[in-house]
Amino acid sequence: MEFVQKILFNMHSFQWNVSRGTLRAEQKNRVSADFVESFGFL
């Protein structure tokens, strides 16, 4: 039972890290887009 819980916990934390990573990537893209727009490069 403990083994299964460990796997589920690892899967959950992995999923959370992936979603955090994609969130961070989206924020970076948004920031760079704002930066480009503010300087009128688009």
PDB file of N, CA and C in Angstrom:
ATOM      1  N   MET A   1       0.847  -1.201   0.000  1.00  0.00           N
ATOM      2  CA  MET A   1       0.000   0.000   0.000  1.00  0.00           C
ATOM      3  C   MET A   1       0.885   1.254   0.000  1.00  0.00           C
ATOM      4  N   GLU A   2       1.943   1.239   0.798  1.00  0.00           N
ATOM      5  CA  GLU A   2       2.837   2.395   0.882  1.00  0.00           C
ATOM      6  C   GLU A   2       3.505   2.645  -0.466  1.00  0.00           C
ATOM      7  N   PHE A   3       3.818   1.542  -1.155  1.00  0.00           N
ATOM      8  CA  PHE A   3       4.473   1.637  -2.463  1.00  0.00           C
ATOM      9  C   PHE A   3       3.573   2.353  -3.464  1.00  0.00           C
ATOM     10  N   VAL A   4       2.304   1.975  -3.463  1.00  0.00           N
ATOM     11  CA  VAL A   4       1.332   2.597  -4.381  1.00  0.00           C
ATOM     12  C   VAL A   4       1.193   4.086  -4.067  1.00  0.00           C
ATOM     13  N   GLN A   5       1.108   4.409  -2.781  1.00  0.00           N
ATOM     14  CA  GLN A   5       1.004   5.815  -2.376  1.00  0.00           C
ATOM     15  C   GLN A   5       2.210   6.609  -2.842  1.00  0.00           C
ATOM     16  N   LYS A   6       3.397   5.990  -2.757  1.00  0.00           N
ATOM     17  CA  LYS A   6       4.619   6.663  -3.188  1.00  0.00           C
ATOM     18  C   LYS A   6       4.561   6.973  -4.669  1.00  0.00           C
ATOM     19  N   ILE A   7       4.100   5.994  -5.458  1.00  0.00           N
ATOM     20  CA  ILE A   7       4.001   6.188  -6.913  1.00  0.00           C
ATOM     21  C   ILE A   7       3.012   7.308  -7.217  1.00  0.00           C
ATOM     22  N   LEU A   8       1.857   7.262  -6.554  1.00  0.00           N
ATOM     23  CA  LEU A   8       0.842   8.291  -6.790  1.00  0.00           C
ATOM     24  C   LEU A   8       1.366   9.673  -6.412  1.00  0.00           C
ATOM     25  N   PHE A   9       2.086   9.741  -5.291  1.00  0.00           N
ATOM     26  CA  PHE A   9       2.637  11.018  -4.849  1.00  0.00           C
ATOM     27  C   PHE A   9       3.660  11.542  -5.853  1.00  0.00           C
ATOM     28  N   ASN A  10       4.537  10.644  -6.337  1.00  0.00           N
ATOM     29  CA  ASN A  10       5.543  11.047  -7.323  1.00  0.00           C
ATOM     30  C   ASN A  10       4.885  11.512  -8.611  1.00  0.00           C
ATOM     31  N   MET A  11       3.839  10.812  -9.044  1.00  0.00           N
ATOM     32  CA  MET A  11       3.124  11.218 -10.254  1.00  0.00           C
ATOM     33  C   MET A  11       2.508  12.594 -10.065  1.00  0.00           C
ATOM     34  N   HIS A  12       1.928  12.805  -8.885  1.00  0.00           N
ATOM     35  CA  HIS A  12       1.281  14.082  -8.599  1.00  0.00           C
ATOM     36  C   HIS A  12       2.299  15.220  -8.588  1.00  0.00           C
ATOM     37  N   SER A  13       3.437  15.003  -7.922  1.00  0.00           N
ATOM     38  CA  SER A  13       4.442  16.069  -7.850  1.00  0.00           C
ATOM     39  C   SER A  13       5.050  16.314  -9.220  1.00  0.00           C
ATOM     40  N   PHE A  14       5.194  15.251 -10.025  1.00  0.00           N
ATOM     41  CA  PHE A  14       5.714  15.421 -11.379  1.00  0.00           C
ATOM     42  C   PHE A  14       4.741  16.257 -12.205  1.00  0.00           C
ATOM     43  N   GLN A  15       3.456  15.922 -12.108  1.00  0.00           N
ATOM     44  CA  GLN A  15       2.421  16.673 -12.826  1.00  0.00           C
ATOM     45  C   GLN A  15       2.440  18.137 -12.404  1.00  0.00           C
ATOM     46  N   TRP A  16       2.582  18.365 -11.105  1.00  0.00           N
ATOM     47  CA  TRP A  16       2.591  19.731 -10.569  1.00  0.00           C
ATOM     48  C   TRP A  16       3.793  20.493 -11.101  1.00  0.00           C
ATOM     49  N   ASN A  17       4.965  19.831 -11.147  1.00  0.00           N
ATOM     50  CA  ASN A  17       6.163  20.483 -11.669  1.00  0.00           C
ATOM     51  C   ASN A  17       6.003  20.813 -13.148  1.00  0.00           C
ATOM     52  N   VAL A  18       5.386  19.901 -13.902  1.00  0.00           N
ATOM     53  CA  VAL A  18       5.176  20.139 -15.333  1.00  0.00           C
ATOM     54  C   VAL A  18       4.250  21.327 -15.534  1.00  0.00           C
ATOM     55  N   SER A  19       3.145  21.367 -14.763  1.00  0.00           N
ATOM     56  CA  SER A  19       2.218  22.485 -14.910  1.00  0.00           C
ATOM     57  C   SER A  19       2.866  23.789 -14.484  1.00  0.00           C
ATOM     58  N   ARG A  20       3.715  23.723 -13.463  1.00  0.00           N
ATOM     59  CA  ARG A  20       4.446  24.936 -13.042  1.00  0.00           C
ATOM     60  C   ARG A  20       5.410  25.377 -14.137  1.00  0.00           C
ATOM     61  N   GLY A  21       6.064  24.405 -14.761  1.00  0.00           N
ATOM     62  CA  GLY A  21       7.007  24.720 -15.832  1.00  0.00           C
ATOM     63  C   GLY A  21       6.325  25.374 -17.013  1.00  0.00           C
ATOM     64  N   THR A  22       5.142  24.839 -17.406  1.00  0.00           N
ATOM     65  CA  THR A  22       4.440  25.427 -18.542  1.00  0.00           C
ATOM     66  C   THR A  22       3.911  26.805 -18.167  1.00  0.00           C
ATOM     67  N   LEU A  23       3.476  26.968 -16.919  1.00  0.00           N
ATOM     68  CA  LEU A  23       3.036  28.287 -16.454  1.00  0.00           C
ATOM     69  C   LEU A  23       4.176  29.286 -16.554  1.00  0.00           C
ATOM     70  N   ARG A  24       5.344  28.872 -16.104  1.00  0.00           N
ATOM     71  CA  ARG A  24       6.500  29.756 -16.123  1.00  0.00           C
ATOM     72  C   ARG A  24       6.860  30.132 -17.562  1.00  0.00           C
ATOM     73  N   ALA A  25       6.788  29.150 -18.465  1.00  0.00           N
ATOM     74  CA  ALA A  25       7.092  29.411 -19.876  1.00  0.00           C
ATOM     75  C   ALA A  25       6.090  30.403 -20.452  1.00  0.00           C
ATOM     76  N   GLU A  26       4.807  30.236 -20.111  1.00  0.00           N
ATOM     77  CA  GLU A  26       3.785  31.159 -20.607  1.00  0.00           C
ATOM     78  C   GLU A  26       4.039  32.563 -20.081  1.00  0.00           C
ATOM     79  N   GLN A  27       4.405  32.671 -18.807  1.00  0.00           N
ATOM     80  CA  GLN A  27       4.695  33.990 -18.227  1.00  0.00           C
ATOM     81  C   GLN A  27       5.862  34.642 -18.950  1.00  0.00           C
ATOM     82  N   LYS A  28       6.916  33.861 -19.238  1.00  0.00           N
ATOM     83  CA  LYS A  28       8.081  34.392 -19.940  1.00  0.00           C
ATOM     84  C   LYS A  28       7.679  34.905 -21.311  1.00  0.00           C
ATOM     85  N   ASN A  29       6.876  34.115 -22.031  1.00  0.00           N
ATOM     86  CA  ASN A  29       6.441  34.523 -23.367  1.00  0.00           C
ATOM     87  C   ASN A  29       5.610  35.796 -23.295  1.00  0.00           C
ATOM     88  N   ARG A  30       4.750  35.876 -22.283  1.00  0.00           N
ATOM     89  CA  ARG A  30       3.894  37.051 -22.127  1.00  0.00           C
ATOM     90  C   ARG A  30       4.753  38.271 -21.829  1.00  0.00           C
ATOM     91  N   VAL A  31       5.733  38.105 -20.946  1.00  0.00           N
ATOM     92  CA  VAL A  31       6.600  39.226 -20.583  1.00  0.00           C
ATOM     93  C   VAL A  31       7.383  39.697 -21.797  1.00  0.00           C
ATOM     94  N   SER A  32       7.949  38.764 -22.559  1.00  0.00           N
ATOM     95  CA  SER A  32       8.729  39.166 -23.737  1.00  0.00           C
ATOM     96  C   SER A  32       7.823  39.813 -24.784  1.00  0.00           C
ATOM     97  N   ALA A  33       6.585  39.335 -24.919  1.00  0.00           N
ATOM     98  CA  ALA A  33       5.645  39.939 -25.863  1.00  0.00           C
ATOM     99  C   ALA A  33       5.315  41.369 -25.442  1.00  0.00           C
ATOM    100  N   ASP A  34       5.079  41.564 -24.138  1.00  0.00           N
ATOM    101  CA  ASP A  34       4.818  42.908 -23.617  1.00  0.00           C
ATOM    102  C   ASP A  34       6.012  43.823 -23.870  1.00  0.00           C
ATOM    103  N   PHE A  35       7.207  43.275 -23.647  1.00  0.00           N
ATOM    104  CA  PHE A  35       8.433  44.039 -23.853  1.00  0.00           C
ATOM    105  C   PHE A  35       8.547  44.476 -25.309  1.00  0.00           C
ATOM    106  N   VAL A  36       8.323  43.526 -26.223  1.00  0.00           N
ATOM    107  CA  VAL A  36       8.419  43.822 -27.658  1.00  0.00           C
ATOM    108  C   VAL A  36       7.367  44.857 -28.040  1.00  0.00           C
ATOM    109  N   GLU A  37       6.147  44.684 -27.540  1.00  0.00           N
ATOM    110  CA  GLU A  37       5.070  45.628 -27.885  1.00  0.00           C
ATOM    111  C   GLU A  37       5.387  47.022 -27.370  1.00  0.00           C
ATOM    112  N   SER A  38       5.926  47.109 -26.164  1.00  0.00           N
ATOM    113  CA  SER A  38       6.176  48.423 -25.576  1.00  0.00           C
ATOM    114  C   SER A  38       7.242  49.180 -26.361  1.00  0.00           C
ATOM    115  N   PHE A  39       8.124  48.433 -27.046  1.00  0.00           N
ATOM    116  CA  PHE A  39       9.136  49.111 -27.849  1.00  0.00           C
ATOM    117  C   PHE A  39       8.738  49.218 -29.320  1.00  0.00           C
ATOM    118  N   GLY A  40       7.534  48.712 -29.633  1.00  0.00           N
ATOM    119  CA  GLY A  40       7.003  48.869 -30.977  1.00  0.00           C
ATOM    120  C   GLY A  40       7.727  48.071 -32.051  1.00  0.00           C
ATOM    121  N   PHE A  41       8.233  46.882 -31.686  1.00  0.00           N
ATOM    122  CA  PHE A  41       8.935  46.060 -32.676  1.00  0.00           C
ATOM    123  C   PHE A  41       7.964  45.217 -33.494  1.00  0.00           C
ATOM    124  N   LEU A  42       6.704  45.102 -33.049  1.00  0.00           N
ATOM    125  CA  LEU A  42       5.768  44.195 -33.722  1.00  0.00           C
ATOM    126  C   LEU A  42       5.175  44.832 -34.975  1.00  0.00           C
TER     127      LEU A  42
END
